[in-house]
Amino acid sequence: MRINIPVHLRWGDLDAYQHVNNVEIFRLLEEARVRAFWAPADPEEERPPTAVFEPGGESLSLISGHRIEYLRPLDYQRAPVDVAIWFTEIGAAMARIGYEVYDGTSDAPRVRAASTMVFVQEDGYRPRRISEVERAAWSPYLGDPVPFSRRS
């Protein structure tokens, strides 16, 4: 099972070749990840079941690494792209996240990516264990590793 987050592109995301710049793809992934895991500021906004982080908490989630594979150019479009997110591993104090970005024109993803997210205490940056609430919310979205097609 995956979490599907629609993300709008910005005109400024384009590069000289008129497709979404590789650096801006990371921004799309970040926006989708934040919307998937953090409670929205507006209580009227839809909250995914995986959005267990509240603003002002005592711990931080940090990205310790990314891997990304650009499969096809992502052209600008007014409709939001679909960022599919799932967990590929949930450890004691870390989680690995998989992503695929779809533009709605085919069933084939434009981008595949993976991130490692670690959890630390705000005071001193000491690792903190994933809570039972987090594990319960995220476990239904645990799936296979990202099927990268190239070695890196």
Protein backbone atom coordinates (compact mmCIF):
# COMPACT_ATOMS: atom_id res chain seq x y z
CA MET A 1 0.00 0.00 0.00
CA ARG A 2 1.22 3.51 -0.81
CA ILE A 3 0.49 7.04 0.30
CA ASN A 4 -0.38 9.18 -2.74
CA ILE A 5 0.35 12.87 -2.37
CA PRO A 6 -0.57 15.30 -5.17
CA VAL A 7 2.04 18.05 -5.61
CA HIS A 8 1.68 21.04 -7.93
CA LEU A 9 4.61 22.05 -10.08
CA ARG A 10 5.79 25.65 -10.26
CA TRP A 11 6.75 27.41 -13.48
CA GLY A 12 10.11 28.14 -11.84
CA ASP A 13 10.78 24.39 -11.50
CA LEU A 14 11.68 24.25 -15.21
CA ASP A 15 15.23 24.31 -16.50
CA ALA A 16 16.66 25.46 -19.83
CA TYR A 17 15.43 22.23 -21.46
CA GLN A 18 11.83 23.02 -20.43
CA HIS A 19 11.42 20.09 -18.05
CA VAL A 20 11.49 19.97 -14.26
CA ASN A 21 15.07 20.47 -13.07
CA ASN A 22 16.70 17.59 -11.22
CA VAL A 23 17.23 19.72 -8.10
CA GLU A 24 13.52 20.66 -8.07
CA ILE A 25 12.61 16.97 -8.08
CA PHE A 26 14.12 16.80 -4.58
CA ARG A 27 11.81 19.67 -3.56
CA LEU A 28 8.81 17.69 -4.86
CA LEU A 29 9.89 14.68 -2.80
CA GLU A 30 10.40 16.85 0.27
CA GLU A 31 6.98 18.47 -0.05
CA ALA A 32 5.29 15.09 -0.45
CA ARG A 33 7.22 13.66 2.52
CA VAL A 34 6.30 16.59 4.77
CA ARG A 35 2.63 16.35 3.80
CA ALA A 36 2.66 12.57 4.35
CA PHE A 37 4.24 12.60 7.82
CA TRP A 38 3.41 15.95 9.46
CA ALA A 39 0.00 17.08 10.63
CA PRO A 40 -1.28 20.00 8.54
CA ALA A 41 -1.37 23.41 10.20
CA ASP A 42 -5.00 23.83 9.11
CA PRO A 43 -7.22 21.38 11.04
CA GLU A 44 -9.69 21.45 8.12
CA GLU A 45 -7.06 20.12 5.71
CA GLU A 46 -7.10 16.39 4.98
CA ARG A 47 -4.62 14.51 7.16
CA PRO A 48 -3.09 11.29 5.83
CA PRO A 49 -3.15 8.42 8.35
CA THR A 50 0.66 8.50 8.32
CA ALA A 51 0.85 12.17 9.43
CA VAL A 52 1.83 11.52 13.03
CA PHE A 53 4.31 14.35 13.62
CA GLU A 54 2.92 17.46 15.30
CA PRO A 55 4.52 20.90 14.97
CA GLY A 56 6.67 21.81 17.96
CA GLY A 57 7.51 18.26 18.97
CA GLU A 58 10.56 17.39 21.03
CA SER A 59 12.25 15.29 18.38
CA LEU A 60 13.47 15.87 14.86
CA SER A 61 13.41 13.80 11.73
CA LEU A 62 16.46 14.28 9.54
CA ILE A 63 17.32 12.95 6.12
CA SER A 64 20.66 11.12 6.22
CA GLY A 65 20.73 10.08 2.57
CA HIS A 66 18.98 10.05 -0.80
CA ARG A 67 19.18 7.99 -3.94
CA ILE A 68 17.34 9.08 -7.05
CA GLU A 69 16.88 7.76 -10.57
CA TYR A 70 15.48 9.96 -13.34
CA LEU A 71 13.64 7.65 -15.74
CA ARG A 72 12.00 10.17 -18.11
CA PRO A 73 11.85 13.97 -18.24
CA LEU A 74 9.04 15.48 -16.20
CA ASP A 75 7.40 18.26 -18.20
CA TYR A 76 5.53 21.16 -16.68
CA GLN A 77 1.80 20.58 -16.25
CA ARG A 78 -0.95 22.42 -14.42
CA ALA A 79 -2.41 19.28 -12.86
CA PRO A 80 -0.51 18.05 -9.81
CA VAL A 81 1.94 15.19 -10.15
CA ASP A 82 1.34 12.13 -7.99
CA VAL A 83 4.12 11.28 -5.56
CA ALA A 84 3.63 7.73 -4.30
CA ILE A 85 5.39 7.11 -0.98
CA TRP A 86 5.90 3.94 1.04
CA PHE A 87 8.27 2.58 3.67
CA THR A 88 10.86 0.05 2.59
CA GLU A 89 12.21 -0.43 6.11
CA ILE A 90 11.20 0.68 9.59
CA GLY A 91 14.04 0.26 12.06
CA ALA A 92 14.55 1.24 15.68
CA ALA A 93 15.48 4.90 15.08
CA MET A 94 15.30 5.18 11.29
CA ALA A 95 13.02 4.55 8.34
CA ARG A 96 13.73 4.09 4.65
CA ILE A 97 11.23 5.71 2.33
CA GLY A 98 10.52 4.85 -1.30
CA TYR A 99 9.05 7.25 -3.86
CA GLU A 100 7.76 7.14 -7.41
CA VAL A 101 6.63 10.28 -9.26
CA TYR A 102 3.89 9.99 -11.88
CA ASP A 103 2.64 12.70 -14.23
CA GLY A 104 -0.72 11.14 -15.09
CA THR A 105 0.09 10.50 -18.77
CA SER A 106 1.09 6.85 -18.27
CA ASP A 107 1.43 4.13 -15.67
CA ALA A 108 5.21 4.44 -15.80
CA PRO A 109 6.96 6.57 -13.18
CA ARG A 110 9.10 9.54 -14.22
CA VAL A 111 11.30 9.32 -11.13
CA ARG A 112 12.19 6.70 -8.51
CA ALA A 113 13.89 7.64 -5.29
CA ALA A 114 14.68 6.51 -1.77
CA SER A 115 15.53 8.42 1.41
CA THR A 116 16.76 7.37 4.81
CA MET A 117 15.11 9.34 7.61
CA VAL A 118 16.60 9.24 11.11
CA PHE A 119 14.99 10.37 14.35
CA VAL A 120 16.82 12.34 17.03
CA GLN A 121 16.06 14.22 20.20
CA GLU A 122 16.00 17.96 19.62
CA ASP A 123 18.19 18.42 22.69
CA GLY A 124 21.61 17.03 21.80
CA TYR A 125 20.70 15.21 18.56
CA ARG A 126 20.76 11.82 20.28
CA PRO A 127 18.95 9.04 18.38
CA ARG A 128 15.41 8.35 19.53
CA ARG A 129 13.40 5.23 18.95
CA ILE A 130 10.37 5.21 16.70
CA SER A 131 7.27 5.33 18.88
CA GLU A 132 4.54 2.70 18.85
CA VAL A 133 2.12 5.31 17.43
CA GLU A 134 4.49 6.00 14.52
CA ARG A 135 5.15 2.31 13.90
CA ALA A 136 1.41 1.51 13.94
CA ALA A 137 0.64 4.34 11.49
CA TRP A 138 3.47 3.46 9.11
CA SER A 139 3.50 -0.35 9.15
CA PRO A 140 0.53 -0.71 6.75
CA TYR A 141 2.66 1.17 4.18
CA LEU A 142 5.68 -1.11 4.46
CA GLY A 143 6.60 -2.56 1.08
CA ASP A 144 9.34 -3.70 -1.23
CA PRO A 145 12.55 -1.76 -1.81
CA VAL A 146 12.55 0.78 -4.63
CA PRO A 147 13.13 -1.13 -7.90
CA PHE A 148 16.05 0.93 -9.20
CA SER A 149 17.08 -0.10 -12.70
CA ARG A 150 20.67 1.14 -12.62
CA ARG A 151 23.52 0.45 -10.26
CA SER A 152 25.16 3.39 -8.58
